[in-house]
Amino acid sequence: MGMPHPVPEFHTADMVRALIQEDRAWPRYETFYGELVVTPAPRSLHQWIAGELFVALHEYLQRFPVGTVYMSPADISWGRPDVLVQPDVFVVPREQARRAHRGESWTAVHHLLLAVEIVSPDSARRDRFAKRVLYQRQGVDTYWVIDAERRVAEGWTPDAEAPRLADARIDWHPAGADEPFAFDFAARVAAELDG
């Protein structure tokens, strides 16, 4: 008879919040249906592309104010006791953002118009599978997974059974905006890396 395997501890959102240190963004702590996930600080390319995307979305949402854009760290749980995620970049409906700013904080966020994860070598599988399924189940309107190093992306909607693949840019057209948002990540990465 073999050695018994330890049973991993079930982590609630409150348990994960207790691990988070306000003065430090990393490591990142999340829980997916009770499973604790600890992510080290990402590579510089990850942070750079997240910043570029944030700025582009901020400018777009100034013209079409359908939501407010944020960057991780965050505290998104949809009111679930067994979930706490920190999308790299995400857009919240304007009214929920206002309530969050008035003091409700992240508890006011019950819907994401857009969530984007930039994969790192240690997060690719989780971003493409565990987080994707979670975001689909929670009704996130659009979920993009960007692999900046490979210069490819996959887009998901709540009912999609397969991703929409992109090898140059991601597009997003939220309800209430007259024009779609387009982010040519491949060209930006090429300009940054190749010169």
Foldseek 3Di string as FASTA:
>chain_A
DDDDDDDDFFAWLVNQVVVDDPVDQPQPWWFQQRDIDTHGDFDPVQVVLLVVVQVLVQVQCVVQVQWHKDADPAFADLPGGGTTDGFGMWTAGHVLVVVLVVPPNNNSGNETQEGEHEDGPVCVVCLVPRVVQVNLVSQHQKYKYADLVQQKIWMDGNPDPGTDIDNFWDWADDPRRPDIRIDGSNVVSCVVPVD
